[in-house]
Amino acid sequence: MSRFVSTALIGAAMLVSGNAFAAKYDAAAGKATYDASCATCHKTGMMSAPKLGDKAAWAPRLGQGVDAMVAKSVKGFKGSKGMMPAKGGNAALTDAQVGNAVAYMVGQSK
């Protein structure tokens, strides 16, 4: 019985965290930001950017969690194989727009 309850609680937590993700970021709005500012690198793999839809390339990033990916995308970072300029090089983007674009890319790459 306790295994069933534990499994049910884990499932409920995953469902709630998925809904929190959906409420925090707007993947549909993120497509426009992706098209305008992110596709240059994420469509071609420039600077070792994971290509949109490449599940193998996105898997280790997804393991970090969406909030970590958004933070790195907003602030920028340099990895062992490539780099991500802050806000994809478009300083005019808001943090919310970057988060939405990350949500869009994650949704296309699971």
PDB file of N, CA and C in Angstrom:
ATOM      1  N   MET A   1       0.813  -1.196   0.000  1.00  0.00           N
ATOM      2  CA  MET A   1       0.000   0.000   0.000  1.00  0.00           C
ATOM      3  C   MET A   1       0.857   1.261   0.000  1.00  0.00           C
ATOM      4  N   SER A   2       1.956   1.250   0.781  1.00  0.00           N
ATOM      5  CA  SER A   2       2.777   2.447   0.859  1.00  0.00           C
ATOM      6  C   SER A   2       3.488   2.720  -0.466  1.00  0.00           C
ATOM      7  N   ARG A   3       3.826   1.680  -1.225  1.00  0.00           N
ATOM      8  CA  ARG A   3       4.424   1.887  -2.540  1.00  0.00           C
ATOM      9  C   ARG A   3       3.430   2.562  -3.478  1.00  0.00           C
ATOM     10  N   PHE A   4       2.186   2.136  -3.392  1.00  0.00           N
ATOM     11  CA  PHE A   4       1.160   2.746  -4.227  1.00  0.00           C
ATOM     12  C   PHE A   4       1.004   4.222  -3.882  1.00  0.00           C
ATOM     13  N   VAL A   5       0.961   4.534  -2.604  1.00  0.00           N
ATOM     14  CA  VAL A   5       0.809   5.922  -2.162  1.00  0.00           C
ATOM     15  C   VAL A   5       2.024   6.737  -2.603  1.00  0.00           C
ATOM     16  N   SER A   6       3.222   6.185  -2.437  1.00  0.00           N
ATOM     17  CA  SER A   6       4.440   6.891  -2.852  1.00  0.00           C
ATOM     18  C   SER A   6       4.425   7.169  -4.342  1.00  0.00           C
ATOM     19  N   THR A   7       4.056   6.175  -5.121  1.00  0.00           N
ATOM     20  CA  THR A   7       3.993   6.346  -6.566  1.00  0.00           C
ATOM     21  C   THR A   7       2.960   7.397  -6.941  1.00  0.00           C
ATOM     22  N   ALA A   8       1.822   7.362  -6.277  1.00  0.00           N
ATOM     23  CA  ALA A   8       0.773   8.343  -6.553  1.00  0.00           C
ATOM     24  C   ALA A   8       1.241   9.756  -6.198  1.00  0.00           C
ATOM     25  N   LEU A   9       1.944   9.902  -5.086  1.00  0.00           N
ATOM     26  CA  LEU A   9       2.438  11.221  -4.688  1.00  0.00           C
ATOM     27  C   LEU A   9       3.495  11.739  -5.662  1.00  0.00           C
ATOM     28  N   ILE A  10       4.369  10.865  -6.105  1.00  0.00           N
ATOM     29  CA  ILE A  10       5.378  11.272  -7.082  1.00  0.00           C
ATOM     30  C   ILE A  10       4.702  11.701  -8.383  1.00  0.00           C
ATOM     31  N   GLY A  11       3.735  10.934  -8.831  1.00  0.00           N
ATOM     32  CA  GLY A  11       3.006  11.287 -10.043  1.00  0.00           C
ATOM     33  C   GLY A  11       2.293  12.620  -9.902  1.00  0.00           C
ATOM     34  N   ALA A  12       1.685  12.845  -8.751  1.00  0.00           N
ATOM     35  CA  ALA A  12       0.990  14.108  -8.520  1.00  0.00           C
ATOM     36  C   ALA A  12       1.978  15.274  -8.505  1.00  0.00           C
ATOM     37  N   ALA A  13       3.131  15.071  -7.893  1.00  0.00           N
ATOM     38  CA  ALA A  13       4.145  16.129  -7.858  1.00  0.00           C
ATOM     39  C   ALA A  13       4.630  16.460  -9.262  1.00  0.00           C
ATOM     40  N   MET A  14       4.807  15.436 -10.080  1.00  0.00           N
ATOM     41  CA  MET A  14       5.250  15.672 -11.456  1.00  0.00           C
ATOM     42  C   MET A  14       4.179  16.425 -12.234  1.00  0.00           C
ATOM     43  N   LEU A  15       2.937  16.077 -12.023  1.00  0.00           N
ATOM     44  CA  LEU A  15       1.837  16.758 -12.703  1.00  0.00           C
ATOM     45  C   LEU A  15       1.771  18.218 -12.278  1.00  0.00           C
ATOM     46  N   VAL A  16       1.894  18.466 -10.991  1.00  0.00           N
ATOM     47  CA  VAL A  16       1.842  19.834 -10.487  1.00  0.00           C
ATOM     48  C   VAL A  16       3.030  20.630 -11.010  1.00  0.00           C
ATOM     49  N   SER A  17       4.231  20.043 -11.002  1.00  0.00           N
ATOM     50  CA  SER A  17       5.395  20.787 -11.490  1.00  0.00           C
ATOM     51  C   SER A  17       5.271  21.049 -12.978  1.00  0.00           C
ATOM     52  N   GLY A  18       4.674  20.136 -13.725  1.00  0.00           N
ATOM     53  CA  GLY A  18       4.435  20.372 -15.149  1.00  0.00           C
ATOM     54  C   GLY A  18       3.469  21.522 -15.358  1.00  0.00           C
ATOM     55  N   ASN A  19       2.434  21.574 -14.517  1.00  0.00           N
ATOM     56  CA  ASN A  19       1.487  22.679 -14.615  1.00  0.00           C
ATOM     57  C   ASN A  19       2.125  23.989 -14.196  1.00  0.00           C
ATOM     58  N   ALA A  20       3.029  23.961 -13.221  1.00  0.00           N
ATOM     59  CA  ALA A  20       3.734  25.178 -12.817  1.00  0.00           C
ATOM     60  C   ALA A  20       4.600  25.666 -13.976  1.00  0.00           C
ATOM     61  N   PHE A  21       5.227  24.746 -14.664  1.00  0.00           N
ATOM     62  CA  PHE A  21       6.031  25.106 -15.833  1.00  0.00           C
ATOM     63  C   PHE A  21       5.133  25.780 -16.864  1.00  0.00           C
ATOM     64  N   ALA A  22       3.981  25.181 -17.128  1.00  0.00           N
ATOM     65  CA  ALA A  22       3.067  25.735 -18.129  1.00  0.00           C
ATOM     66  C   ALA A  22       2.579  27.125 -17.713  1.00  0.00           C
ATOM     67  N   ALA A  23       2.352  27.324 -16.417  1.00  0.00           N
ATOM     68  CA  ALA A  23       1.856  28.608 -15.950  1.00  0.00           C
ATOM     69  C   ALA A  23       2.948  29.674 -15.955  1.00  0.00           C
ATOM     70  N   LYS A  24       4.184  29.268 -15.756  1.00  0.00           N
ATOM     71  CA  LYS A  24       5.287  30.228 -15.648  1.00  0.00           C
ATOM     72  C   LYS A  24       5.765  30.720 -17.007  1.00  0.00           C
ATOM     73  N   TYR A  25       5.756  29.868 -18.000  1.00  0.00           N
ATOM     74  CA  TYR A  25       6.260  30.211 -19.328  1.00  0.00           C
ATOM     75  C   TYR A  25       5.189  29.945 -20.380  1.00  0.00           C
ATOM     76  N   ASP A  26       5.201  30.728 -21.430  1.00  0.00           N
ATOM     77  CA  ASP A  26       4.229  30.597 -22.508  1.00  0.00           C
ATOM     78  C   ASP A  26       4.958  30.140 -23.771  1.00  0.00           C
ATOM     79  N   ALA A  27       4.967  28.829 -23.984  1.00  0.00           N
ATOM     80  CA  ALA A  27       5.689  28.256 -25.123  1.00  0.00           C
ATOM     81  C   ALA A  27       5.145  28.767 -26.455  1.00  0.00           C
ATOM     82  N   ALA A  28       3.838  28.980 -26.534  1.00  0.00           N
ATOM     83  CA  ALA A  28       3.256  29.473 -27.793  1.00  0.00           C
ATOM     84  C   ALA A  28       3.809  30.857 -28.126  1.00  0.00           C
ATOM     85  N   ALA A  29       3.907  31.731 -27.122  1.00  0.00           N
ATOM     86  CA  ALA A  29       4.490  33.058 -27.340  1.00  0.00           C
ATOM     87  C   ALA A  29       5.987  32.949 -27.610  1.00  0.00           C
ATOM     88  N   GLY A  30       6.608  31.928 -27.053  1.00  0.00           N
ATOM     89  CA  GLY A  30       8.040  31.731 -27.245  1.00  0.00           C
ATOM     90  C   GLY A  30       8.438  31.412 -28.666  1.00  0.00           C
ATOM     91  N   LYS A  31       7.517  30.889 -29.453  1.00  0.00           N
ATOM     92  CA  LYS A  31       7.840  30.565 -30.852  1.00  0.00           C
ATOM     93  C   LYS A  31       8.260  31.815 -31.615  1.00  0.00           C
ATOM     94  N   ALA A  32       7.566  32.919 -31.405  1.00  0.00           N
ATOM     95  CA  ALA A  32       7.909  34.165 -32.109  1.00  0.00           C
ATOM     96  C   ALA A  32       9.306  34.642 -31.715  1.00  0.00           C
ATOM     97  N   THR A  33       9.629  34.536 -30.423  1.00  0.00           N
ATOM     98  CA  THR A  33      10.967  34.921 -29.969  1.00  0.00           C
ATOM     99  C   THR A  33      12.006  33.982 -30.552  1.00  0.00           C
ATOM    100  N   TYR A  34      11.701  32.685 -30.544  1.00  0.00           N
ATOM    101  CA  TYR A  34      12.614  31.702 -31.143  1.00  0.00           C
ATOM    102  C   TYR A  34      12.879  32.054 -32.606  1.00  0.00           C
ATOM    103  N   ASP A  35      11.809  32.270 -33.358  1.00  0.00           N
ATOM    104  CA  ASP A  35      11.953  32.568 -34.789  1.00  0.00           C
ATOM    105  C   ASP A  35      12.790  33.825 -35.028  1.00  0.00           C
ATOM    106  N   ALA A  36      12.594  34.849 -34.191  1.00  0.00           N
ATOM    107  CA  ALA A  36      13.265  36.127 -34.399  1.00  0.00           C
ATOM    108  C   ALA A  36      14.691  36.169 -33.851  1.00  0.00           C
ATOM    109  N   SER A  37      14.933  35.460 -32.742  1.00  0.00           N
ATOM    110  CA  SER A  37      16.216  35.646 -32.069  1.00  0.00           C
ATOM    111  C   SER A  37      17.019  34.377 -31.799  1.00  0.00           C
ATOM    112  N   CYS A  38      16.381  33.238 -31.772  1.00  0.00           N
ATOM    113  CA  CYS A  38      17.079  32.016 -31.344  1.00  0.00           C
ATOM    114  C   CYS A  38      17.400  31.061 -32.488  1.00  0.00           C
ATOM    115  N   ALA A  39      16.593  31.112 -33.528  1.00  0.00           N
ATOM    116  CA  ALA A  39      16.731  30.141 -34.618  1.00  0.00           C
ATOM    117  C   ALA A  39      18.078  30.230 -35.323  1.00  0.00           C
ATOM    118  N   THR A  40      18.673  31.406 -35.342  1.00  0.00           N
ATOM    119  CA  THR A  40      19.959  31.556 -36.021  1.00  0.00           C
ATOM    120  C   THR A  40      20.945  30.502 -35.542  1.00  0.00           C
ATOM    121  N   CYS A  41      21.010  30.283 -34.242  1.00  0.00           N
ATOM    122  CA  CYS A  41      21.940  29.289 -33.693  1.00  0.00           C
ATOM    123  C   CYS A  41      21.289  27.927 -33.487  1.00  0.00           C
ATOM    124  N   HIS A  42      20.055  27.916 -32.985  1.00  0.00           N
ATOM    125  CA  HIS A  42      19.428  26.643 -32.622  1.00  0.00           C
ATOM    126  C   HIS A  42      18.858  25.881 -33.806  1.00  0.00           C
ATOM    127  N   LYS A  43      18.776  26.496 -34.964  1.00  0.00           N
ATOM    128  CA  LYS A  43      18.350  25.777 -36.164  1.00  0.00           C
ATOM    129  C   LYS A  43      19.549  25.100 -36.833  1.00  0.00           C
ATOM    130  N   THR A  44      20.714  25.746 -36.735  1.00  0.00           N
ATOM    131  CA  THR A  44      21.905  25.260 -37.431  1.00  0.00           C
ATOM    132  C   THR A  44      22.917  24.572 -36.529  1.00  0.00           C
ATOM    133  N   GLY A  45      22.823  24.793 -35.218  1.00  0.00           N
ATOM    134  CA  GLY A  45      23.806  24.247 -34.294  1.00  0.00           C
ATOM    135  C   GLY A  45      25.036  25.138 -34.147  1.00  0.00           C
ATOM    136  N   MET A  46      24.923  26.388 -34.584  1.00  0.00           N
ATOM    137  CA  MET A  46      26.035  27.334 -34.480  1.00  0.00           C
ATOM    138  C   MET A  46      26.494  27.447 -33.026  1.00  0.00           C
ATOM    139  N   MET A  47      27.783  27.546 -32.820  1.00  0.00           N
ATOM    140  CA  MET A  47      28.402  27.650 -31.492  1.00  0.00           C
ATOM    141  C   MET A  47      27.997  26.480 -30.594  1.00  0.00           C
ATOM    142  N   SER A  48      27.752  25.325 -31.196  1.00  0.00           N
ATOM    143  CA  SER A  48      27.348  24.097 -30.496  1.00  0.00           C
ATOM    144  C   SER A  48      25.990  24.207 -29.809  1.00  0.00           C
ATOM    145  N   ALA A  49      25.144  25.098 -30.281  1.00  0.00           N
ATOM    146  CA  ALA A  49      23.789  25.207 -29.733  1.00  0.00           C
ATOM    147  C   ALA A  49      23.033  23.928 -30.057  1.00  0.00           C
ATOM    148  N   PRO A  50      22.269  23.400 -29.089  1.00  0.00           N
ATOM    149  CA  PRO A  50      21.471  22.213 -29.397  1.00  0.00           C
ATOM    150  C   PRO A  50      20.388  22.571 -30.416  1.00  0.00           C
ATOM    151  N   LYS A  51      20.296  21.781 -31.463  1.00  0.00           N
ATOM    152  CA  LYS A  51      19.307  22.060 -32.500  1.00  0.00           C
ATOM    153  C   LYS A  51      17.900  21.765 -31.997  1.00  0.00           C
ATOM    154  N   LEU A  52      16.972  22.589 -32.430  1.00  0.00           N
ATOM    155  CA  LEU A  52      15.578  22.408 -32.067  1.00  0.00           C
ATOM    156  C   LEU A  52      15.129  21.013 -32.503  1.00  0.00           C
ATOM    157  N   GLY A  53      14.540  20.266 -31.595  1.00  0.00           N
ATOM    158  CA  GLY A  53      14.032  18.937 -31.899  1.00  0.00           C
ATOM    159  C   GLY A  53      15.032  17.811 -31.727  1.00  0.00           C
ATOM    160  N   ASP A  54      16.301  18.112 -31.462  1.00  0.00           N
ATOM    161  CA  ASP A  54      17.334  17.090 -31.282  1.00  0.00           C
ATOM    162  C   ASP A  54      17.267  16.578 -29.850  1.00  0.00           C
ATOM    163  N   LYS A  55      16.518  15.503 -29.648  1.00  0.00           N
ATOM    164  CA  LYS A  55      16.257  14.990 -28.305  1.00  0.00           C
ATOM    165  C   LYS A  55      17.541  14.598 -27.579  1.00  0.00           C
ATOM    166  N   ALA A  56      18.484  14.010 -28.276  1.00  0.00           N
ATOM    167  CA  ALA A  56      19.734  13.591 -27.641  1.00  0.00           C
ATOM    168  C   ALA A  56      20.530  14.800 -27.145  1.00  0.00           C
ATOM    169  N   ALA A  57      20.560  15.870 -27.921  1.00  0.00           N
ATOM    170  CA  ALA A  57      21.302  17.066 -27.523  1.00  0.00           C
ATOM    171  C   ALA A  57      20.629  17.784 -26.362  1.00  0.00           C
ATOM    172  N   TRP A  58      19.313  17.730 -26.306  1.00  0.00           N
ATOM    173  CA  TRP A  58      18.582  18.440 -25.252  1.00  0.00           C
ATOM    174  C   TRP A  58      18.482  17.642 -23.958  1.00  0.00           C
ATOM    175  N   ALA A  59      18.616  16.321 -24.015  1.00  0.00           N
ATOM    176  CA  ALA A  59      18.415  15.477 -22.828  1.00  0.00           C
ATOM    177  C   ALA A  59      19.247  15.912 -21.620  1.00  0.00           C
ATOM    178  N   PRO A  60      20.566  16.129 -21.764  1.00  0.00           N
ATOM    179  CA  PRO A  60      21.317  16.541 -20.570  1.00  0.00           C
ATOM    180  C   PRO A  60      20.907  17.922 -20.059  1.00  0.00           C
ATOM    181  N   ARG A  61      20.475  18.767 -20.937  1.00  0.00           N
ATOM    182  CA  ARG A  61      20.037  20.103 -20.526  1.00  0.00           C
ATOM    183  C   ARG A  61      18.712  20.019 -19.774  1.00  0.00           C
ATOM    184  N   LEU A  62      17.814  19.165 -20.252  1.00  0.00           N
ATOM    185  CA  LEU A  62      16.525  18.994 -19.583  1.00  0.00           C
ATOM    186  C   LEU A  62      16.722  18.490 -18.159  1.00  0.00           C
ATOM    187  N   GLY A  63      17.776  17.687 -17.958  1.00  0.00           N
ATOM    188  CA  GLY A  63      18.078  17.181 -16.627  1.00  0.00           C
ATOM    189  C   GLY A  63      18.437  18.275 -15.636  1.00  0.00           C
ATOM    190  N   GLN A  64      18.876  19.422 -16.118  1.00  0.00           N
ATOM    191  CA  GLN A  64      19.212  20.549 -15.245  1.00  0.00           C
ATOM    192  C   GLN A  64      17.964  21.255 -14.730  1.00  0.00           C
ATOM    193  N   GLY A  65      16.879  21.095 -15.449  1.00  0.00           N
ATOM    194  CA  GLY A  65      15.640  21.778 -15.104  1.00  0.00           C
ATOM    195  C   GLY A  65      15.469  23.040 -15.936  1.00  0.00           C
ATOM    196  N   VAL A  66      14.237  23.375 -16.191  1.00  0.00           N
ATOM    197  CA  VAL A  66      13.920  24.497 -17.062  1.00  0.00           C
ATOM    198  C   VAL A  66      14.389  25.814 -16.460  1.00  0.00           C
ATOM    199  N   ASP A  67      14.219  25.995 -15.154  1.00  0.00           N
ATOM    200  CA  ASP A  67      14.628  27.258 -14.542  1.00  0.00           C
ATOM    201  C   ASP A  67      16.132  27.485 -14.704  1.00  0.00           C
ATOM    202  N   ALA A  68      16.933  26.437 -14.590  1.00  0.00           N
ATOM    203  CA  ALA A  68      18.386  26.566 -14.784  1.00  0.00           C
ATOM    204  C   ALA A  68      18.695  26.927 -16.230  1.00  0.00           C
ATOM    205  N   MET A  69      17.973  26.312 -17.170  1.00  0.00           N
ATOM    206  CA  MET A  69      18.203  26.629 -18.587  1.00  0.00           C
ATOM    207  C   MET A  69      17.830  28.078 -18.881  1.00  0.00           C
ATOM    208  N   VAL A  70      16.740  28.529 -18.301  1.00  0.00           N
ATOM    209  CA  VAL A  70      16.320  29.919 -18.514  1.00  0.00           C
ATOM    210  C   VAL A  70      17.362  30.863 -17.926  1.00  0.00           C
ATOM    211  N   ALA A  71      17.828  30.581 -16.716  1.00  0.00           N
ATOM    212  CA  ALA A  71      18.826  31.446 -16.071  1.00  0.00           C
ATOM    213  C   ALA A  71      20.089  31.539 -16.917  1.00  0.00           C
ATOM    214  N   LYS A  72      20.555  30.406 -17.440  1.00  0.00           N
ATOM    215  CA  LYS A  72      21.750  30.414 -18.293  1.00  0.00           C
ATOM    216  C   LYS A  72      21.491  31.167 -19.589  1.00  0.00           C
ATOM    217  N   SER A  73      20.298  31.049 -20.110  1.00  0.00           N
ATOM    218  CA  SER A  73      19.963  31.742 -21.357  1.00  0.00           C
ATOM    219  C   SER A  73      19.859  33.248 -21.150  1.00  0.00           C
ATOM    220  N   VAL A  74      19.381  33.661 -19.996  1.00  0.00           N
ATOM    221  CA  VAL A  74      19.269  35.084 -19.694  1.00  0.00           C
ATOM    222  C   VAL A  74      20.662  35.681 -19.439  1.00  0.00           C
ATOM    223  N   LYS A  75      21.449  34.997 -18.624  1.00  0.00           N
ATOM    224  CA  LYS A  75      22.766  35.527 -18.232  1.00  0.00           C
ATOM    225  C   LYS A  75      23.870  35.198 -19.226  1.00  0.00           C
ATOM    226  N   GLY A  76      23.680  34.128 -19.991  1.00  0.00           N
ATOM    227  CA  GLY A  76      24.723  33.642 -20.886  1.00  0.00           C
ATOM    228  C   GLY A  76      25.685  32.743 -20.135  1.00  0.00           C
ATOM    229  N   PHE A  77      26.391  31.918 -20.870  1.00  0.00           N
ATOM    230  CA  PHE A  77      27.397  31.053 -20.254  1.00  0.00           C
ATOM    231  C   PHE A  77      28.328  30.507 -21.326  1.00  0.00           C
ATOM    232  N   LYS A  78      29.450  30.006 -20.872  1.00  0.00           N
ATOM    233  CA  LYS A  78      30.393  29.350 -21.771  1.00  0.00           C
ATOM    234  C   LYS A  78      30.579  27.931 -21.279  1.00  0.00           C
ATOM    235  N   GLY A  79      30.289  26.969 -22.146  1.00  0.00           N
ATOM    236  CA  GLY A  79      30.449  25.567 -21.808  1.00  0.00           C
ATOM    237  C   GLY A  79      31.732  25.001 -22.391  1.00  0.00           C
ATOM    238  N   SER A  80      31.931  23.724 -22.218  1.00  0.00           N
ATOM    239  CA  SER A  80      33.153  23.096 -22.718  1.00  0.00           C
ATOM    240  C   SER A  80      33.165  22.986 -24.238  1.00  0.00           C
ATOM    241  N   LYS A  81      31.989  22.981 -24.858  1.00  0.00           N
ATOM    242  CA  LYS A  81      31.907  22.824 -26.313  1.00  0.00           C
ATOM    243  C   LYS A  81      31.419  24.069 -27.043  1.00  0.00           C
ATOM    244  N   GLY A  82      30.849  24.998 -26.348  1.00  0.00           N
ATOM    245  CA  GLY A  82      30.289  26.168 -27.014  1.00  0.00           C
ATOM    246  C   GLY A  82      29.890  27.225 -26.010  1.00  0.00           C
ATOM    247  N   MET A  83      29.138  28.186 -26.476  1.00  0.00           N
ATOM    248  CA  MET A  83      28.711  29.254 -25.588  1.00  0.00           C
ATOM    249  C   MET A  83      27.335  29.756 -25.965  1.00  0.00           C
ATOM    250  N   MET A  84      26.721  30.423 -24.995  1.00  0.00           N
ATOM    251  CA  MET A  84      25.403  31.027 -25.183  1.00  0.00           C
ATOM    252  C   MET A  84      25.526  32.474 -24.760  1.00  0.00           C
ATOM    253  N   PRO A  85      25.409  33.411 -25.702  1.00  0.00           N
ATOM    254  CA  PRO A  85      25.468  34.814 -25.291  1.00  0.00           C
ATOM    255  C   PRO A  85      24.223  35.164 -24.474  1.00  0.00           C
ATOM    256  N   ALA A  86      24.363  36.103 -23.567  1.00  0.00           N
ATOM    257  CA  ALA A  86      23.224  36.533 -22.760  1.00  0.00           C
ATOM    258  C   ALA A  86      22.068  36.922 -23.672  1.00  0.00           C
ATOM    259  N   LYS A  87      20.910  36.370 -23.361  1.00  0.00           N
ATOM    260  CA  LYS A  87      19.684  36.625 -24.120  1.00  0.00           C
ATOM    261  C   LYS A  87      19.877  36.362 -25.616  1.00  0.00           C
ATOM    262  N   GLY A  88      20.729  35.399 -25.928  1.00  0.00           N
ATOM    263  CA  GLY A  88      20.956  35.035 -27.324  1.00  0.00           C
ATOM    264  C   GLY A  88      21.554  36.169 -28.137  1.00  0.00           C
ATOM    265  N   GLY A  89      22.169  37.125 -27.440  1.00  0.00           N
ATOM    266  CA  GLY A  89      22.754  38.267 -28.141  1.00  0.00           C
ATOM    267  C   GLY A  89      21.777  39.396 -28.410  1.00  0.00           C
ATOM    268  N   ASN A  90      20.547  39.245 -27.969  1.00  0.00           N
ATOM    269  CA  ASN A  90      19.529  40.281 -28.176  1.00  0.00           C
ATOM    270  C   ASN A  90      19.166  40.896 -26.827  1.00  0.00           C
ATOM    271  N   ALA A  91      19.902  41.919 -26.427  1.00  0.00           N
ATOM    272  CA  ALA A  91      19.709  42.547 -25.114  1.00  0.00           C
ATOM    273  C   ALA A  91      18.322  43.150 -24.944  1.00  0.00           C
ATOM    274  N   ALA A  92      17.604  43.379 -26.038  1.00  0.00           N
ATOM    275  CA  ALA A  92      16.264  43.967 -25.957  1.00  0.00           C
ATOM    276  C   ALA A  92      15.223  42.974 -25.448  1.00  0.00           C
ATOM    277  N   LEU A  93      15.541  41.677 -25.440  1.00  0.00           N
ATOM    278  CA  LEU A  93      14.581  40.681 -24.958  1.00  0.00           C
ATOM    279  C   LEU A  93      14.403  40.801 -23.450  1.00  0.00           C
ATOM    280  N   THR A  94      13.176  40.603 -22.998  1.00  0.00           N
ATOM    281  CA  THR A  94      12.920  40.542 -21.559  1.00  0.00           C
ATOM    282  C   THR A  94      13.244  39.135 -21.073  1.00  0.00           C
ATOM    283  N   ASP A  95      13.421  38.999 -19.766  1.00  0.00           N
ATOM    284  CA  ASP A  95      13.650  37.672 -19.194  1.00  0.00           C
ATOM    285  C   ASP A  95      12.465  36.752 -19.497  1.00  0.00           C
ATOM    286  N   ALA A  96      11.261  37.297 -19.475  1.00  0.00           N
ATOM    287  CA  ALA A  96      10.061  36.502 -19.765  1.00  0.00           C
ATOM    288  C   ALA A  96      10.077  35.997 -21.206  1.00  0.00           C
ATOM    289  N   GLN A  97      10.492  36.837 -22.136  1.00  0.00           N
ATOM    290  CA  GLN A  97      10.564  36.399 -23.538  1.00  0.00           C
ATOM    291  C   GLN A  97      11.589  35.273 -23.699  1.00  0.00           C
ATOM    292  N   VAL A  98      12.713  35.393 -23.011  1.00  0.00           N
ATOM    293  CA  VAL A  98      13.724  34.338 -23.067  1.00  0.00           C
ATOM    294  C   VAL A  98      13.152  33.052 -22.473  1.00  0.00           C
ATOM    295  N   GLY A  99      12.487  33.158 -21.330  1.00  0.00           N
ATOM    296  CA  GLY A  99      11.867  31.987 -20.707  1.00  0.00           C
ATOM    297  C   GLY A  99      10.845  31.340 -21.618  1.00  0.00           C
ATOM    298  N   ASN A 100      10.051  32.142 -22.293  1.00  0.00           N
ATOM    299  CA  ASN A 100       9.055  31.606 -23.225  1.00  0.00           C
ATOM    300  C   ASN A 100       9.733  30.884 -24.388  1.00  0.00           C
ATOM    301  N   ALA A 101      10.832  31.458 -24.887  1.00  0.00           N
ATOM    302  CA  ALA A 101      11.547  30.822 -25.995  1.00  0.00           C
ATOM    303  C   ALA A 101      12.150  29.496 -25.552  1.00  0.00           C
ATOM    304  N   VAL A 102      12.704  29.457 -24.350  1.00  0.00           N
ATOM    305  CA  VAL A 102      13.240  28.200 -23.816  1.00  0.00           C
ATOM    306  C   VAL A 102      12.113  27.177 -23.693  1.00  0.00           C
ATOM    307  N   ALA A 103      10.962  27.605 -23.189  1.00  0.00           N
ATOM    308  CA  ALA A 103       9.814  26.707 -23.063  1.00  0.00           C
ATOM    309  C   ALA A 103       9.414  26.147 -24.414  1.00  0.00           C
ATOM    310  N   TYR A 104       9.417  26.985 -25.443  1.00  0.00           N
ATOM    311  CA  TYR A 104       9.087  26.530 -26.796  1.00  0.00           C
ATOM    312  C   TYR A 104      10.097  25.487 -27.263  1.00  0.00           C
ATOM    313  N   MET A 105      11.391  25.773 -27.089  1.00  0.00           N
ATOM    314  CA  MET A 105      12.425  24.832 -27.546  1.00  0.00           C
ATOM    315  C   MET A 105      12.359  23.514 -26.779  1.00  0.00           C
ATOM    316  N   VAL A 106      12.115  23.596 -25.481  1.00  0.00           N
ATOM    317  CA  VAL A 106      11.992  22.379 -24.668  1.00  0.00           C
ATOM    318  C   VAL A 106      10.806  21.555 -25.166  1.00  0.00           C
ATOM    319  N   GLY A 107       9.684  22.210 -25.401  1.00  0.00           N
ATOM    320  CA  GLY A 107       8.506  21.499 -25.888  1.00  0.00           C
ATOM    321  C   GLY A 107       8.724  20.805 -27.225  1.00  0.00           C
ATOM    322  N   GLN A 108       9.562  21.383 -28.054  1.00  0.00           N
ATOM    323  CA  GLN A 108       9.846  20.803 -29.371  1.00  0.00           C
ATOM    324  C   GLN A 108      10.932  19.745 -29.305  1.00  0.00           C
ATOM    325  N   SER A 109      11.600  19.624 -28.174  1.00  0.00           N
ATOM    326  CA  SER A 109      12.797  18.784 -28.100  1.00  0.00           C
ATOM    327  C   SER A 109      12.726  17.672 -27.067  1.00  0.00           C
ATOM    328  N   LYS A 110      11.550  17.411 -26.505  1.00  0.00           N
ATOM    329  CA  LYS A 110      11.391  16.335 -25.523  1.00  0.00           C
ATOM    330  C   LYS A 110      11.290  15.005 -26.220  1.00  0.00           C
TER     331      LYS A 110
END
